[in-house]
Amino acid sequence: MNRVTKKELAVGMYEKGLRVEAIAELLHSDPSYVANALIERGHAPNYVDLYTSTGPQNRYAAMLSGVLRFKDVAAAKASVARINELYEQFTAVRDRRGMHQCELLALTGKNRAEGIGKWREARVFADWLAEHLHVPEPAPAEVIQLAIPEEAPVPLDQEAPLLAMAA
């Protein structure tokens, strides 16, 4: 006799039209668990939270895929080292979008580690964020020298209208 897993039940319910939250409630499970079970099976549920992943969605996500690890402090440090390596590459070419994706991934790592009680691992990500979330000092404004031409003499026949306008 084949036993039906919770993931298989979730997929079956989803294919019958139930929403992630309803399935989670029926299965006495977390919506993140249900959503990830559906994603694993190729579905794209209309549910996103800190613990779901829909896979690479842009070129940055593809580069950062698989980088996030926090099994232990060593894994968290390796993740941060890879995030930093990519961040520096993006910085070198002034790619703000790539830099932002690195910051988001580090924040996600911190939040996920905290969420499961891995405080030391969360601190590794938080420390990296603290170093990189500074606002740079603005560059001194360039002084613009305007060349003001010497006043050209006004012909006598045009002086009267100018004086009238000034009055």
N, C-alpha and C. Protein backbone atom coordinates (compact mmCIF):
# COMPACT_ATOMS: atom_id res chain seq x y z
N MET A 1 0.83 -1.17 0.00
CA MET A 1 0.00 0.00 0.00
C MET A 1 0.88 1.25 0.00
N ASN A 2 0.66 2.13 -0.94
CA ASN A 2 1.44 3.36 -1.04
C ASN A 2 0.86 4.41 -0.11
N ARG A 3 1.73 4.99 0.64
CA ARG A 3 1.34 6.05 1.57
C ARG A 3 1.43 7.38 0.84
N VAL A 4 0.44 8.23 1.00
CA VAL A 4 0.41 9.56 0.37
C VAL A 4 1.07 10.54 1.34
N THR A 5 2.05 11.28 0.82
CA THR A 5 2.76 12.24 1.66
C THR A 5 1.97 13.54 1.77
N LYS A 6 2.34 14.33 2.74
CA LYS A 6 1.70 15.63 2.94
C LYS A 6 1.91 16.52 1.70
N LYS A 7 3.10 16.42 1.11
CA LYS A 7 3.38 17.21 -0.09
C LYS A 7 2.48 16.79 -1.25
N GLU A 8 2.28 15.49 -1.41
CA GLU A 8 1.40 15.00 -2.48
C GLU A 8 -0.03 15.45 -2.25
N LEU A 9 -0.47 15.43 -0.98
CA LEU A 9 -1.81 15.92 -0.66
C LEU A 9 -1.94 17.40 -1.01
N ALA A 10 -0.91 18.17 -0.66
CA ALA A 10 -0.92 19.60 -0.94
C ALA A 10 -1.03 19.86 -2.44
N VAL A 11 -0.26 19.12 -3.22
CA VAL A 11 -0.29 19.30 -4.68
C VAL A 11 -1.68 18.94 -5.22
N GLY A 12 -2.23 17.84 -4.74
CA GLY A 12 -3.56 17.43 -5.19
C GLY A 12 -4.62 18.47 -4.88
N MET A 13 -4.57 19.02 -3.69
CA MET A 13 -5.53 20.05 -3.30
C MET A 13 -5.36 21.31 -4.14
N TYR A 14 -4.10 21.67 -4.39
CA TYR A 14 -3.83 22.86 -5.19
C TYR A 14 -4.36 22.68 -6.61
N GLU A 15 -4.15 21.51 -7.16
CA GLU A 15 -4.62 21.23 -8.53
C GLU A 15 -6.14 21.22 -8.62
N LYS A 16 -6.82 21.05 -7.47
CA LYS A 16 -8.28 21.10 -7.44
C LYS A 16 -8.78 22.52 -7.18
N GLY A 17 -7.86 23.47 -7.03
CA GLY A 17 -8.24 24.87 -6.92
C GLY A 17 -8.13 25.49 -5.54
N LEU A 18 -7.67 24.76 -4.55
CA LEU A 18 -7.53 25.35 -3.23
C LEU A 18 -6.31 26.26 -3.17
N ARG A 19 -6.41 27.28 -2.34
CA ARG A 19 -5.30 28.23 -2.17
C ARG A 19 -4.33 27.72 -1.11
N VAL A 20 -3.12 28.24 -1.16
CA VAL A 20 -2.05 27.80 -0.26
C VAL A 20 -2.47 27.89 1.20
N GLU A 21 -3.05 29.02 1.61
CA GLU A 21 -3.44 29.21 3.01
C GLU A 21 -4.47 28.18 3.44
N ALA A 22 -5.44 27.88 2.57
CA ALA A 22 -6.48 26.89 2.90
C ALA A 22 -5.88 25.49 3.02
N ILE A 23 -4.97 25.16 2.11
CA ILE A 23 -4.30 23.85 2.16
C ILE A 23 -3.51 23.72 3.45
N ALA A 24 -2.78 24.76 3.81
CA ALA A 24 -1.98 24.74 5.04
C ALA A 24 -2.87 24.51 6.26
N GLU A 25 -3.99 25.17 6.27
CA GLU A 25 -4.91 25.00 7.40
C GLU A 25 -5.45 23.57 7.46
N LEU A 26 -5.85 23.03 6.32
CA LEU A 26 -6.38 21.67 6.28
C LEU A 26 -5.34 20.63 6.67
N LEU A 27 -4.09 20.87 6.30
CA LEU A 27 -3.02 19.91 6.58
C LEU A 27 -2.29 20.20 7.90
N HIS A 28 -2.78 21.21 8.62
CA HIS A 28 -2.13 21.62 9.88
C HIS A 28 -0.64 21.84 9.64
N SER A 29 -0.38 22.66 8.64
CA SER A 29 0.99 22.92 8.23
C SER A 29 1.19 24.42 8.03
N ASP A 30 2.41 24.79 7.77
CA ASP A 30 2.76 26.18 7.53
C ASP A 30 2.56 26.51 6.05
N PRO A 31 2.02 27.67 5.72
CA PRO A 31 1.86 28.04 4.31
C PRO A 31 3.17 27.98 3.52
N SER A 32 4.30 28.31 4.16
CA SER A 32 5.59 28.24 3.48
C SER A 32 5.91 26.81 3.05
N TYR A 33 5.60 25.86 3.91
CA TYR A 33 5.84 24.45 3.60
C TYR A 33 5.02 24.04 2.38
N VAL A 34 3.75 24.42 2.38
CA VAL A 34 2.86 24.08 1.26
C VAL A 34 3.35 24.74 -0.02
N ALA A 35 3.66 26.04 0.05
CA ALA A 35 4.12 26.76 -1.14
C ALA A 35 5.40 26.13 -1.70
N ASN A 36 6.35 25.80 -0.83
CA ASN A 36 7.59 25.18 -1.31
C ASN A 36 7.34 23.79 -1.90
N ALA A 37 6.39 23.04 -1.34
CA ALA A 37 6.04 21.74 -1.91
C ALA A 37 5.49 21.91 -3.33
N LEU A 38 4.69 22.93 -3.52
CA LEU A 38 4.12 23.20 -4.85
C LEU A 38 5.21 23.67 -5.82
N ILE A 39 6.09 24.53 -5.35
CA ILE A 39 7.18 25.02 -6.19
C ILE A 39 8.08 23.86 -6.62
N GLU A 40 8.38 22.94 -5.69
CA GLU A 40 9.20 21.76 -6.02
C GLU A 40 8.59 20.94 -7.14
N ARG A 41 7.26 20.94 -7.21
CA ARG A 41 6.56 20.15 -8.21
C ARG A 41 6.25 20.93 -9.49
N GLY A 42 6.83 22.13 -9.59
CA GLY A 42 6.68 22.90 -10.82
C GLY A 42 5.53 23.88 -10.85
N HIS A 43 4.81 24.02 -9.77
CA HIS A 43 3.72 24.99 -9.71
C HIS A 43 4.26 26.34 -9.29
N ALA A 44 3.51 27.38 -9.62
CA ALA A 44 3.88 28.75 -9.23
C ALA A 44 2.73 29.33 -8.42
N PRO A 45 2.62 28.96 -7.15
CA PRO A 45 1.49 29.44 -6.35
C PRO A 45 1.56 30.94 -6.12
N ASN A 46 0.40 31.52 -5.92
CA ASN A 46 0.32 32.95 -5.65
C ASN A 46 0.54 33.18 -4.16
N TYR A 47 1.73 32.83 -3.70
CA TYR A 47 2.07 32.96 -2.30
C TYR A 47 3.58 33.16 -2.19
N VAL A 48 3.97 34.21 -1.48
CA VAL A 48 5.40 34.49 -1.28
C VAL A 48 5.58 34.97 0.15
N ASP A 49 6.60 34.46 0.81
CA ASP A 49 7.00 34.98 2.10
C ASP A 49 8.49 34.78 2.26
N LEU A 50 9.00 35.05 3.41
CA LEU A 50 10.43 34.98 3.66
C LEU A 50 11.01 33.58 3.42
N TYR A 51 10.18 32.56 3.55
CA TYR A 51 10.67 31.19 3.48
C TYR A 51 10.33 30.46 2.18
N THR A 52 9.82 31.18 1.20
CA THR A 52 9.54 30.54 -0.09
C THR A 52 10.53 31.04 -1.13
N SER A 53 10.73 30.22 -2.12
CA SER A 53 11.63 30.59 -3.20
C SER A 53 11.04 30.11 -4.51
N THR A 54 10.86 31.03 -5.42
CA THR A 54 10.28 30.65 -6.70
C THR A 54 11.34 30.41 -7.76
N GLY A 55 12.61 30.45 -7.36
CA GLY A 55 13.68 30.22 -8.32
C GLY A 55 14.14 31.51 -8.95
N PRO A 56 15.16 31.44 -9.79
CA PRO A 56 15.72 32.64 -10.40
C PRO A 56 14.68 33.40 -11.20
N GLN A 57 14.59 34.70 -10.94
CA GLN A 57 13.62 35.54 -11.62
C GLN A 57 14.30 36.61 -12.47
N ASN A 58 15.56 36.85 -12.25
CA ASN A 58 16.30 37.81 -13.06
C ASN A 58 17.75 37.36 -13.11
N ARG A 59 18.56 38.08 -13.85
CA ARG A 59 19.96 37.63 -14.00
C ARG A 59 20.71 37.64 -12.68
N TYR A 60 20.36 38.52 -11.77
CA TYR A 60 21.02 38.55 -10.47
C TYR A 60 20.63 37.36 -9.62
N ALA A 61 19.35 37.05 -9.61
CA ALA A 61 18.87 35.91 -8.83
C ALA A 61 19.55 34.63 -9.31
N ALA A 62 19.75 34.52 -10.61
CA ALA A 62 20.43 33.33 -11.14
C ALA A 62 21.87 33.26 -10.63
N MET A 63 22.56 34.40 -10.56
CA MET A 63 23.94 34.42 -10.05
C MET A 63 24.01 34.11 -8.57
N LEU A 64 22.97 34.52 -7.82
CA LEU A 64 22.97 34.35 -6.37
C LEU A 64 22.29 33.05 -5.93
N SER A 65 21.77 32.31 -6.88
CA SER A 65 21.08 31.07 -6.55
C SER A 65 22.02 30.09 -5.86
N GLY A 66 21.58 29.54 -4.75
CA GLY A 66 22.37 28.55 -4.04
C GLY A 66 23.44 29.12 -3.12
N VAL A 67 23.56 30.43 -3.07
CA VAL A 67 24.61 31.07 -2.25
C VAL A 67 24.24 31.06 -0.77
N LEU A 68 22.97 31.20 -0.47
CA LEU A 68 22.53 31.37 0.91
C LEU A 68 22.57 30.07 1.70
N ARG A 69 23.44 30.03 2.71
CA ARG A 69 23.58 28.86 3.58
C ARG A 69 23.82 29.34 5.00
N PHE A 70 23.20 28.67 5.97
CA PHE A 70 23.43 29.02 7.37
C PHE A 70 23.26 27.81 8.27
N LYS A 71 23.71 26.65 7.78
CA LYS A 71 23.67 25.42 8.57
C LYS A 71 24.45 25.60 9.87
N ASP A 72 25.59 26.28 9.76
CA ASP A 72 26.42 26.59 10.91
C ASP A 72 27.15 27.90 10.60
N VAL A 73 27.95 28.37 11.54
CA VAL A 73 28.64 29.65 11.35
C VAL A 73 29.58 29.60 10.15
N ALA A 74 30.26 28.48 9.95
CA ALA A 74 31.18 28.36 8.81
C ALA A 74 30.42 28.49 7.50
N ALA A 75 29.25 27.87 7.41
CA ALA A 75 28.44 27.97 6.18
C ALA A 75 27.97 29.40 5.98
N ALA A 76 27.56 30.08 7.06
CA ALA A 76 27.12 31.47 6.96
C ALA A 76 28.27 32.36 6.50
N LYS A 77 29.47 32.12 7.03
CA LYS A 77 30.64 32.92 6.62
C LYS A 77 30.97 32.69 5.15
N ALA A 78 30.85 31.44 4.69
CA ALA A 78 31.10 31.15 3.27
C ALA A 78 30.07 31.85 2.40
N SER A 79 28.82 31.88 2.84
CA SER A 79 27.77 32.58 2.09
C SER A 79 28.07 34.06 1.99
N VAL A 80 28.44 34.64 3.12
CA VAL A 80 28.74 36.07 3.15
C VAL A 80 29.96 36.38 2.28
N ALA A 81 30.94 35.49 2.28
CA ALA A 81 32.13 35.70 1.44
C ALA A 81 31.73 35.73 -0.04
N ARG A 82 30.85 34.82 -0.44
CA ARG A 82 30.40 34.79 -1.84
C ARG A 82 29.54 36.01 -2.16
N ILE A 83 28.65 36.38 -1.23
CA ILE A 83 27.83 37.59 -1.43
C ILE A 83 28.74 38.80 -1.58
N ASN A 84 29.76 38.89 -0.74
CA ASN A 84 30.68 40.03 -0.79
C ASN A 84 31.47 40.05 -2.10
N GLU A 85 31.89 38.88 -2.56
CA GLU A 85 32.63 38.78 -3.83
C GLU A 85 31.78 39.33 -4.97
N LEU A 86 30.51 38.93 -5.01
CA LEU A 86 29.62 39.43 -6.06
C LEU A 86 29.34 40.92 -5.87
N TYR A 87 29.16 41.33 -4.64
CA TYR A 87 28.91 42.74 -4.34
C TYR A 87 30.05 43.61 -4.86
N GLU A 88 31.28 43.17 -4.62
CA GLU A 88 32.45 43.92 -5.09
C GLU A 88 32.51 43.97 -6.61
N GLN A 89 32.13 42.87 -7.27
CA GLN A 89 32.08 42.87 -8.74
C GLN A 89 31.06 43.89 -9.24
N PHE A 90 29.89 43.91 -8.60
CA PHE A 90 28.86 44.87 -9.00
C PHE A 90 29.30 46.30 -8.70
N THR A 91 29.98 46.50 -7.59
CA THR A 91 30.46 47.84 -7.23
C THR A 91 31.47 48.34 -8.25
N ALA A 92 32.34 47.45 -8.70
CA ALA A 92 33.39 47.84 -9.65
C ALA A 92 32.81 48.38 -10.95
N VAL A 93 31.64 47.89 -11.34
CA VAL A 93 31.02 48.36 -12.58
C VAL A 93 29.82 49.27 -12.31
N ARG A 94 29.71 49.70 -11.05
CA ARG A 94 28.64 50.61 -10.62
C ARG A 94 27.24 50.07 -10.94
N ASP A 95 27.06 48.80 -10.69
CA ASP A 95 25.79 48.13 -10.94
C ASP A 95 24.97 48.14 -9.65
N ARG A 96 24.17 49.18 -9.46
CA ARG A 96 23.38 49.32 -8.23
C ARG A 96 22.36 48.20 -8.07
N ARG A 97 21.80 47.72 -9.16
CA ARG A 97 20.81 46.64 -9.05
C ARG A 97 21.46 45.38 -8.48
N GLY A 98 22.63 45.05 -8.96
CA GLY A 98 23.34 43.88 -8.46
C GLY A 98 23.73 44.05 -7.00
N MET A 99 24.19 45.24 -6.66
CA MET A 99 24.55 45.52 -5.26
C MET A 99 23.33 45.36 -4.36
N HIS A 100 22.20 45.87 -4.83
CA HIS A 100 20.95 45.77 -4.07
C HIS A 100 20.54 44.30 -3.88
N GLN A 101 20.68 43.49 -4.91
CA GLN A 101 20.33 42.08 -4.80
C GLN A 101 21.19 41.39 -3.74
N CYS A 102 22.47 41.75 -3.68
CA CYS A 102 23.36 41.19 -2.64
C CYS A 102 22.88 41.60 -1.25
N GLU A 103 22.51 42.86 -1.10
CA GLU A 103 22.02 43.33 0.19
C GLU A 103 20.74 42.60 0.58
N LEU A 104 19.84 42.41 -0.37
CA LEU A 104 18.60 41.68 -0.09
C LEU A 104 18.87 40.24 0.33
N LEU A 105 19.81 39.61 -0.35
CA LEU A 105 20.12 38.22 -0.02
C LEU A 105 20.71 38.12 1.38
N ALA A 106 21.59 39.04 1.74
CA ALA A 106 22.16 39.03 3.09
C ALA A 106 21.08 39.26 4.14
N LEU A 107 20.15 40.16 3.85
CA LEU A 107 19.04 40.41 4.78
C LEU A 107 18.15 39.17 4.90
N THR A 108 17.91 38.51 3.80
CA THR A 108 17.12 37.28 3.83
C THR A 108 17.82 36.22 4.67
N GLY A 109 19.12 36.08 4.50
CA GLY A 109 19.89 35.11 5.30
C GLY A 109 19.80 35.42 6.77
N LYS A 110 19.94 36.69 7.12
CA LYS A 110 19.83 37.10 8.53
C LYS A 110 18.46 36.75 9.07
N ASN A 111 17.42 37.14 8.35
CA ASN A 111 16.05 36.91 8.83
C ASN A 111 15.70 35.43 8.93
N ARG A 112 16.13 34.66 7.96
CA ARG A 112 15.83 33.22 8.00
C ARG A 112 16.58 32.54 9.13
N ALA A 113 17.83 32.90 9.33
CA ALA A 113 18.61 32.31 10.42
C ALA A 113 17.98 32.67 11.77
N GLU A 114 17.60 33.92 11.93
CA GLU A 114 16.92 34.34 13.17
C GLU A 114 15.64 33.56 13.37
N GLY A 115 14.90 33.37 12.27
CA GLY A 115 13.61 32.71 12.34
C GLY A 115 13.68 31.28 12.86
N ILE A 116 14.83 30.65 12.71
CA ILE A 116 14.97 29.27 13.21
C ILE A 116 15.92 29.20 14.40
N GLY A 117 16.18 30.36 15.00
CA GLY A 117 16.97 30.40 16.22
C GLY A 117 18.47 30.25 16.05
N LYS A 118 18.98 30.50 14.86
CA LYS A 118 20.43 30.42 14.63
C LYS A 118 21.01 31.83 14.76
N TRP A 119 21.16 32.26 15.98
CA TRP A 119 21.55 33.64 16.27
C TRP A 119 22.97 33.96 15.83
N ARG A 120 23.90 33.07 16.03
CA ARG A 120 25.29 33.35 15.62
C ARG A 120 25.39 33.43 14.11
N GLU A 121 24.66 32.58 13.40
CA GLU A 121 24.66 32.61 11.95
C GLU A 121 24.00 33.91 11.45
N ALA A 122 22.91 34.31 12.11
CA ALA A 122 22.24 35.56 11.75
C ALA A 122 23.18 36.74 11.94
N ARG A 123 24.01 36.71 12.99
CA ARG A 123 24.95 37.79 13.27
C ARG A 123 25.97 37.95 12.14
N VAL A 124 26.37 36.84 11.50
CA VAL A 124 27.34 36.90 10.39
C VAL A 124 26.76 37.76 9.26
N PHE A 125 25.49 37.51 8.93
CA PHE A 125 24.83 38.28 7.87
C PHE A 125 24.60 39.72 8.31
N ALA A 126 24.19 39.91 9.56
CA ALA A 126 23.93 41.26 10.08
C ALA A 126 25.20 42.11 10.08
N ASP A 127 26.31 41.51 10.44
CA ASP A 127 27.58 42.26 10.45
C ASP A 127 27.94 42.72 9.04
N TRP A 128 27.75 41.85 8.05
CA TRP A 128 28.05 42.23 6.67
C TRP A 128 27.13 43.38 6.25
N LEU A 129 25.86 43.26 6.58
CA LEU A 129 24.91 44.33 6.23
C LEU A 129 25.31 45.65 6.87
N ALA A 130 25.68 45.61 8.14
CA ALA A 130 26.05 46.84 8.83
C ALA A 130 27.23 47.53 8.14
N GLU A 131 28.15 46.74 7.62
CA GLU A 131 29.30 47.31 6.91
C GLU A 131 28.90 47.92 5.57
N HIS A 132 27.86 47.39 4.93
CA HIS A 132 27.53 47.80 3.57
C HIS A 132 26.33 48.72 3.45
N LEU A 133 25.62 48.93 4.53
CA LEU A 133 24.44 49.79 4.46
C LEU A 133 24.74 51.19 4.98
N HIS A 134 25.83 51.74 4.54
CA HIS A 134 26.17 53.11 4.92
C HIS A 134 25.82 54.04 3.77
N VAL A 135 25.57 55.26 4.10
CA VAL A 135 25.27 56.26 3.09
C VAL A 135 26.56 57.05 2.87
N PRO A 136 27.07 57.02 1.64
CA PRO A 136 28.33 57.72 1.39
C PRO A 136 28.16 59.23 1.50
N GLU A 137 29.23 59.89 1.87
CA GLU A 137 29.23 61.34 1.91
C GLU A 137 29.14 61.85 0.48
N PRO A 138 28.33 62.88 0.25
CA PRO A 138 28.24 63.41 -1.11
C PRO A 138 29.57 64.05 -1.52
N ALA A 139 29.87 63.96 -2.78
CA ALA A 139 31.07 64.60 -3.31
C ALA A 139 30.88 66.11 -3.23
N PRO A 140 31.95 66.85 -2.98
CA PRO A 140 31.80 68.31 -2.92
C PRO A 140 31.25 68.83 -4.25
N ALA A 141 30.31 69.72 -4.14
CA ALA A 141 29.70 70.27 -5.35
C ALA A 141 30.77 71.01 -6.16
N GLU A 142 30.71 70.81 -7.43
CA GLU A 142 31.65 71.50 -8.30
C GLU A 142 31.25 72.97 -8.38
N VAL A 143 32.22 73.81 -8.30
CA VAL A 143 31.96 75.24 -8.41
C VAL A 143 31.93 75.57 -9.89
N ILE A 144 30.83 76.12 -10.30
CA ILE A 144 30.68 76.46 -11.71
C ILE A 144 30.94 77.95 -11.87
N GLN A 145 31.93 78.26 -12.67
CA GLN A 145 32.25 79.65 -12.96
C GLN A 145 31.49 80.05 -14.21
N LEU A 146 30.62 81.00 -14.04
CA LEU A 146 29.88 81.50 -15.19
C LEU A 146 30.64 82.67 -15.80
N ALA A 147 30.82 82.61 -17.07
CA ALA A 147 31.47 83.73 -17.75
C ALA A 147 30.40 84.75 -18.06
N ILE A 148 30.50 85.91 -17.42
CA ILE A 148 29.52 86.96 -17.65
C ILE A 148 30.16 87.97 -18.60
N PRO A 149 29.57 88.08 -19.77
CA PRO A 149 30.17 89.02 -20.73
C PRO A 149 29.99 90.45 -20.24
N GLU A 150 30.94 91.26 -20.63
CA GLU A 150 30.82 92.66 -20.28
C GLU A 150 29.59 93.20 -20.97
N GLU A 151 28.96 94.17 -20.30
CA GLU A 151 27.74 94.70 -20.88
C GLU A 151 28.05 95.41 -22.19
N ALA A 152 27.26 95.06 -23.16
CA ALA A 152 27.42 95.72 -24.46
C ALA A 152 26.68 97.05 -24.40
N PRO A 153 27.22 98.02 -25.03
CA PRO A 153 26.52 99.31 -25.02
C PRO A 153 25.18 99.21 -25.74
N VAL A 154 24.17 99.86 -25.18
CA VAL A 154 22.83 99.85 -25.76
C VAL A 154 22.74 101.06 -26.69
N PRO A 155 22.30 100.80 -27.91
CA PRO A 155 22.14 101.95 -28.83
C PRO A 155 21.17 102.97 -28.24
N LEU A 156 21.42 104.25 -28.53
CA LEU A 156 20.62 105.32 -27.97
C LEU A 156 19.14 105.21 -28.29
N ASP A 157 18.81 104.73 -29.46
CA ASP A 157 17.39 104.65 -29.83
C ASP A 157 16.66 103.54 -29.06
N GLN A 158 17.39 102.65 -28.38
CA GLN A 158 16.75 101.58 -27.61
C GLN A 158 16.76 101.89 -26.12
N GLU A 159 17.42 102.99 -25.68
CA GLU A 159 17.48 103.32 -24.27
C GLU A 159 16.13 103.71 -23.71
N ALA A 160 15.36 104.46 -24.45
CA ALA A 160 14.08 104.96 -23.95
C ALA A 160 13.14 103.82 -23.59
N PRO A 161 12.95 102.78 -24.44
CA PRO A 161 12.05 101.67 -24.05
C PRO A 161 12.55 100.94 -22.81
N LEU A 162 13.87 100.78 -22.68
CA LEU A 162 14.42 100.09 -21.52
C LEU A 162 14.17 100.87 -20.27
N LEU A 163 14.33 102.20 -20.33
CA LEU A 163 14.09 103.04 -19.16
C LEU A 163 12.63 103.03 -18.78
N ALA A 164 11.75 102.99 -19.77
CA ALA A 164 10.32 102.96 -19.51
C ALA A 164 9.94 101.65 -18.82
N MET A 165 10.57 100.54 -19.21
CA MET A 165 10.26 99.26 -18.61
C MET A 165 10.75 99.20 -17.17
N ALA A 166 11.87 99.90 -16.89
CA ALA A 166 12.42 99.89 -15.55
C ALA A 166 11.58 100.73 -14.60
N ALA A 167 10.82 101.66 -15.12
CA ALA A 167 10.06 102.59 -14.27
C ALA A 167 8.80 101.96 -13.74
